[in-house]
Amino acid sequence: MAKVAKTAIKKDPKQALEAKNYTKVIKTVRSPKSGAYTFKEGMVHKDKIKDFLAAK
């Protein structure tokens, strides 16, 4: 069972609704120098996920 988050977001319903519009996106990126994979991650608005993944 997960712990319940006790943050300021619970106190303000407007912030809670806005926070649900963001998603954590993790993208694998291959290094041109070594060929190893690295991970680029970010909190992105749900409407801009495709832009984040398409960017090089």
PDB file of N, CA and C in Angstrom:
ATOM      1  N   MET A   1       0.834  -1.176   0.000  1.00  0.00           N
ATOM      2  CA  MET A   1       0.000   0.000   0.000  1.00  0.00           C
ATOM      3  C   MET A   1       0.884   1.247   0.000  1.00  0.00           C
ATOM      4  N   ALA A   2       0.538   2.223  -0.813  1.00  0.00           N
ATOM      5  CA  ALA A   2       1.330   3.435  -0.945  1.00  0.00           C
ATOM      6  C   ALA A   2       0.997   4.432   0.155  1.00  0.00           C
ATOM      7  N   LYS A   3       1.989   5.254   0.466  1.00  0.00           N
ATOM      8  CA  LYS A   3       1.770   6.313   1.448  1.00  0.00           C
ATOM      9  C   LYS A   3       1.011   7.458   0.791  1.00  0.00           C
ATOM     10  N   VAL A   4       0.263   8.169   1.565  1.00  0.00           N
ATOM     11  CA  VAL A   4      -0.498   9.307   1.074  1.00  0.00           C
ATOM     12  C   VAL A   4       0.387  10.544   1.137  1.00  0.00           C
ATOM     13  N   ALA A   5       0.446  11.291   0.037  1.00  0.00           N
ATOM     14  CA  ALA A   5       1.248  12.511  -0.003  1.00  0.00           C
ATOM     15  C   ALA A   5       0.517  13.621   0.738  1.00  0.00           C
ATOM     16  N   LYS A   6       1.203  14.250   1.641  1.00  0.00           N
ATOM     17  CA  LYS A   6       0.627  15.359   2.396  1.00  0.00           C
ATOM     18  C   LYS A   6       1.353  16.627   1.978  1.00  0.00           C
ATOM     19  N   THR A   7       0.856  17.272   0.933  1.00  0.00           N
ATOM     20  CA  THR A   7       1.499  18.465   0.398  1.00  0.00           C
ATOM     21  C   THR A   7       0.510  19.612   0.321  1.00  0.00           C
ATOM     22  N   ALA A   8       1.017  20.731  -0.134  1.00  0.00           N
ATOM     23  CA  ALA A   8       0.185  21.927  -0.275  1.00  0.00           C
ATOM     24  C   ALA A   8      -0.828  21.764  -1.405  1.00  0.00           C
ATOM     25  N   ILE A   9      -0.571  20.850  -2.311  1.00  0.00           N
ATOM     26  CA  ILE A   9      -1.488  20.648  -3.436  1.00  0.00           C
ATOM     27  C   ILE A   9      -2.860  20.200  -2.938  1.00  0.00           C
ATOM     28  N   LYS A  10      -2.893  19.420  -1.880  1.00  0.00           N
ATOM     29  CA  LYS A  10      -4.176  18.960  -1.348  1.00  0.00           C
ATOM     30  C   LYS A  10      -5.024  20.118  -0.826  1.00  0.00           C
ATOM     31  N   LYS A  11      -4.375  21.181  -0.360  1.00  0.00           N
ATOM     32  CA  LYS A  11      -5.103  22.303   0.217  1.00  0.00           C
ATOM     33  C   LYS A  11      -5.732  23.191  -0.845  1.00  0.00           C
ATOM     34  N   ASP A  12      -5.128  23.259  -2.023  1.00  0.00           N
ATOM     35  CA  ASP A  12      -5.633  24.131  -3.082  1.00  0.00           C
ATOM     36  C   ASP A  12      -6.120  23.284  -4.253  1.00  0.00           C
ATOM     37  N   PRO A  13      -7.426  23.179  -4.453  1.00  0.00           N
ATOM     38  CA  PRO A  13      -7.961  22.318  -5.523  1.00  0.00           C
ATOM     39  C   PRO A  13      -7.552  22.752  -6.933  1.00  0.00           C
ATOM     40  N   LYS A  14      -7.321  24.054  -7.139  1.00  0.00           N
ATOM     41  CA  LYS A  14      -6.900  24.526  -8.460  1.00  0.00           C
ATOM     42  C   LYS A  14      -5.520  23.978  -8.809  1.00  0.00           C
ATOM     43  N   GLN A  15      -4.623  23.973  -7.839  1.00  0.00           N
ATOM     44  CA  GLN A  15      -3.283  23.429  -8.075  1.00  0.00           C
ATOM     45  C   GLN A  15      -3.345  21.925  -8.298  1.00  0.00           C
ATOM     46  N   ALA A  16      -4.215  21.255  -7.619  1.00  0.00           N
ATOM     47  CA  ALA A  16      -4.346  19.809  -7.778  1.00  0.00           C
ATOM     48  C   ALA A  16      -4.820  19.470  -9.184  1.00  0.00           C
ATOM     49  N   LEU A  17      -5.765  20.228  -9.709  1.00  0.00           N
ATOM     50  CA  LEU A  17      -6.246  19.989 -11.065  1.00  0.00           C
ATOM     51  C   LEU A  17      -5.165  20.280 -12.099  1.00  0.00           C
ATOM     52  N   GLU A  18      -4.390  21.331 -11.882  1.00  0.00           N
ATOM     53  CA  GLU A  18      -3.325  21.682 -12.814  1.00  0.00           C
ATOM     54  C   GLU A  18      -2.182  20.664 -12.757  1.00  0.00           C
ATOM     55  N   ALA A  19      -1.899  20.130 -11.598  1.00  0.00           N
ATOM     56  CA  ALA A  19      -0.814  19.161 -11.446  1.00  0.00           C
ATOM     57  C   ALA A  19      -1.117  17.864 -12.190  1.00  0.00           C
ATOM     58  N   LYS A  20      -2.374  17.532 -12.353  1.00  0.00           N
ATOM     59  CA  LYS A  20      -2.744  16.310 -13.065  1.00  0.00           C
ATOM     60  C   LYS A  20      -2.497  16.422 -14.562  1.00  0.00           C
ATOM     61  N   ASN A  21      -2.231  17.608 -15.058  1.00  0.00           N
ATOM     62  CA  ASN A  21      -1.971  17.806 -16.473  1.00  0.00           C
ATOM     63  C   ASN A  21      -0.512  17.567 -16.846  1.00  0.00           C
ATOM     64  N   TYR A  22       0.353  17.310 -15.875  1.00  0.00           N
ATOM     65  CA  TYR A  22       1.766  17.097 -16.134  1.00  0.00           C
ATOM     66  C   TYR A  22       2.120  15.623 -16.007  1.00  0.00           C
ATOM     67  N   THR A  23       3.076  15.197 -16.833  1.00  0.00           N
ATOM     68  CA  THR A  23       3.499  13.810 -16.870  1.00  0.00           C
ATOM     69  C   THR A  23       5.020  13.760 -16.857  1.00  0.00           C
ATOM     70  N   LYS A  24       5.569  12.785 -16.156  1.00  0.00           N
ATOM     71  CA  LYS A  24       7.010  12.581 -16.178  1.00  0.00           C
ATOM     72  C   LYS A  24       7.342  11.735 -17.400  1.00  0.00           C
ATOM     73  N   VAL A  25       8.202  12.276 -18.268  1.00  0.00           N
ATOM     74  CA  VAL A  25       8.570  11.599 -19.506  1.00  0.00           C
ATOM     75  C   VAL A  25      10.055  11.270 -19.454  1.00  0.00           C
ATOM     76  N   ILE A  26      10.394  10.034 -19.795  1.00  0.00           N
ATOM     77  CA  ILE A  26      11.785   9.587 -19.826  1.00  0.00           C
ATOM     78  C   ILE A  26      12.104   9.161 -21.251  1.00  0.00           C
ATOM     79  N   LYS A  27      13.173   9.728 -21.804  1.00  0.00           N
ATOM     80  CA  LYS A  27      13.560   9.459 -23.188  1.00  0.00           C
ATOM     81  C   LYS A  27      14.980   8.921 -23.200  1.00  0.00           C
ATOM     82  N   THR A  28      15.221   7.846 -23.946  1.00  0.00           N
ATOM     83  CA  THR A  28      16.583   7.328 -24.082  1.00  0.00           C
ATOM     84  C   THR A  28      17.268   8.060 -25.224  1.00  0.00           C
ATOM     85  N   VAL A  29      18.509   8.456 -24.977  1.00  0.00           N
ATOM     86  CA  VAL A  29      19.290   9.197 -25.958  1.00  0.00           C
ATOM     87  C   VAL A  29      20.630   8.486 -26.111  1.00  0.00           C
ATOM     88  N   ARG A  30      21.017   8.223 -27.339  1.00  0.00           N
ATOM     89  CA  ARG A  30      22.293   7.553 -27.587  1.00  0.00           C
ATOM     90  C   ARG A  30      23.368   8.607 -27.791  1.00  0.00           C
ATOM     91  N   SER A  31      24.477   8.460 -27.077  1.00  0.00           N
ATOM     92  CA  SER A  31      25.585   9.391 -27.181  1.00  0.00           C
ATOM     93  C   SER A  31      26.324   9.172 -28.499  1.00  0.00           C
ATOM     94  N   PRO A  32      26.522  10.226 -29.287  1.00  0.00           N
ATOM     95  CA  PRO A  32      27.221  10.047 -30.558  1.00  0.00           C
ATOM     96  C   PRO A  32      28.714   9.743 -30.373  1.00  0.00           C
ATOM     97  N   LYS A  33      29.257  10.146 -29.240  1.00  0.00           N
ATOM     98  CA  LYS A  33      30.686   9.968 -28.993  1.00  0.00           C
ATOM     99  C   LYS A  33      31.021   8.542 -28.554  1.00  0.00           C
ATOM    100  N   SER A  34      30.303   8.040 -27.544  1.00  0.00           N
ATOM    101  CA  SER A  34      30.629   6.726 -26.992  1.00  0.00           C
ATOM    102  C   SER A  34      29.659   5.627 -27.407  1.00  0.00           C
ATOM    103  N   GLY A  35      28.490   6.003 -27.875  1.00  0.00           N
ATOM    104  CA  GLY A  35      27.496   5.013 -28.263  1.00  0.00           C
ATOM    105  C   GLY A  35      26.674   4.491 -27.097  1.00  0.00           C
ATOM    106  N   ALA A  36      26.948   4.977 -25.896  1.00  0.00           N
ATOM    107  CA  ALA A  36      26.202   4.545 -24.711  1.00  0.00           C
ATOM    108  C   ALA A  36      24.860   5.278 -24.645  1.00  0.00           C
ATOM    109  N   TYR A  37      23.913   4.638 -24.008  1.00  0.00           N
ATOM    110  CA  TYR A  37      22.596   5.247 -23.838  1.00  0.00           C
ATOM    111  C   TYR A  37      22.548   6.043 -22.541  1.00  0.00           C
ATOM    112  N   THR A  38      21.915   7.197 -22.608  1.00  0.00           N
ATOM    113  CA  THR A  38      21.643   8.001 -21.418  1.00  0.00           C
ATOM    114  C   THR A  38      20.152   8.293 -21.408  1.00  0.00           C
ATOM    115  N   PHE A  39      19.681   8.791 -20.303  1.00  0.00           N
ATOM    116  CA  PHE A  39      18.260   9.063 -20.157  1.00  0.00           C
ATOM    117  C   PHE A  39      18.044  10.541 -19.913  1.00  0.00           C
ATOM    118  N   LYS A  40      17.117  11.111 -20.655  1.00  0.00           N
ATOM    119  CA  LYS A  40      16.719  12.501 -20.475  1.00  0.00           C
ATOM    120  C   LYS A  40      15.301  12.469 -19.936  1.00  0.00           C
ATOM    121  N   GLU A  41      15.080  13.091 -18.803  1.00  0.00           N
ATOM    122  CA  GLU A  41      13.746  13.066 -18.219  1.00  0.00           C
ATOM    123  C   GLU A  41      13.280  14.471 -17.893  1.00  0.00           C
ATOM    124  N   GLY A  42      11.983  14.629 -17.855  1.00  0.00           N
ATOM    125  CA  GLY A  42      11.424  15.934 -17.551  1.00  0.00           C
ATOM    126  C   GLY A  42       9.948  15.851 -17.238  1.00  0.00           C
ATOM    127  N   MET A  43       9.460  16.869 -16.554  1.00  0.00           N
ATOM    128  CA  MET A  43       8.039  17.010 -16.282  1.00  0.00           C
ATOM    129  C   MET A  43       7.463  17.874 -17.393  1.00  0.00           C
ATOM    130  N   VAL A  44       6.568  17.283 -18.184  1.00  0.00           N
ATOM    131  CA  VAL A  44       6.065  17.924 -19.386  1.00  0.00           C
ATOM    132  C   VAL A  44       4.540  17.983 -19.326  1.00  0.00           C
ATOM    133  N   HIS A  45       3.997  19.073 -19.828  1.00  0.00           N
ATOM    134  CA  HIS A  45       2.540  19.188 -19.915  1.00  0.00           C
ATOM    135  C   HIS A  45       2.043  18.129 -20.885  1.00  0.00           C
ATOM    136  N   LYS A  46       0.893  17.562 -20.609  1.00  0.00           N
ATOM    137  CA  LYS A  46       0.396  16.431 -21.397  1.00  0.00           C
ATOM    138  C   LYS A  46       0.173  16.765 -22.863  1.00  0.00           C
ATOM    139  N   ASP A  47      -0.003  18.041 -23.205  1.00  0.00           N
ATOM    140  CA  ASP A  47      -0.186  18.435 -24.589  1.00  0.00           C
ATOM    141  C   ASP A  47       1.135  18.532 -25.353  1.00  0.00           C
ATOM    142  N   LYS A  48       2.269  18.541 -24.647  1.00  0.00           N
ATOM    143  CA  LYS A  48       3.561  18.740 -25.298  1.00  0.00           C
ATOM    144  C   LYS A  48       4.470  17.510 -25.216  1.00  0.00           C
ATOM    145  N   ILE A  49       3.899  16.350 -24.939  1.00  0.00           N
ATOM    146  CA  ILE A  49       4.692  15.126 -24.827  1.00  0.00           C
ATOM    147  C   ILE A  49       5.323  14.758 -26.164  1.00  0.00           C
ATOM    148  N   LYS A  50       4.564  14.835 -27.243  1.00  0.00           N
ATOM    149  CA  LYS A  50       5.094  14.486 -28.560  1.00  0.00           C
ATOM    150  C   LYS A  50       6.234  15.414 -28.974  1.00  0.00           C
ATOM    151  N   ASP A  51       6.133  16.688 -28.608  1.00  0.00           N
ATOM    152  CA  ASP A  51       7.218  17.640 -28.914  1.00  0.00           C
ATOM    153  C   ASP A  51       8.494  17.275 -28.146  1.00  0.00           C
ATOM    154  N   PHE A  52       8.335  16.872 -26.905  1.00  0.00           N
ATOM    155  CA  PHE A  52       9.491  16.482 -26.079  1.00  0.00           C
ATOM    156  C   PHE A  52      10.182  15.255 -26.674  1.00  0.00           C
ATOM    157  N   LEU A  53       9.391  14.269 -27.087  1.00  0.00           N
ATOM    158  CA  LEU A  53       9.969  13.042 -27.622  1.00  0.00           C
ATOM    159  C   LEU A  53      10.548  13.238 -29.022  1.00  0.00           C
ATOM    160  N   ALA A  54      10.020  14.183 -29.794  1.00  0.00           N
ATOM    161  CA  ALA A  54      10.512  14.428 -31.142  1.00  0.00           C
ATOM    162  C   ALA A  54      11.792  15.262 -31.163  1.00  0.00           C
ATOM    163  N   ALA A  55      12.022  16.043 -30.127  1.00  0.00           N
ATOM    164  CA  ALA A  55      13.207  16.906 -30.071  1.00  0.00           C
ATOM    165  C   ALA A  55      14.478  16.071 -29.954  1.00  0.00           C
ATOM    166  N   LYS A  56      15.523  16.528 -30.620  1.00  0.00           N
ATOM    167  CA  LYS A  56      16.798  15.800 -30.554  1.00  0.00           C
ATOM    168  C   LYS A  56      17.771  16.452 -29.663  1.00  0.00           C
TER     169      LYS A  56
END
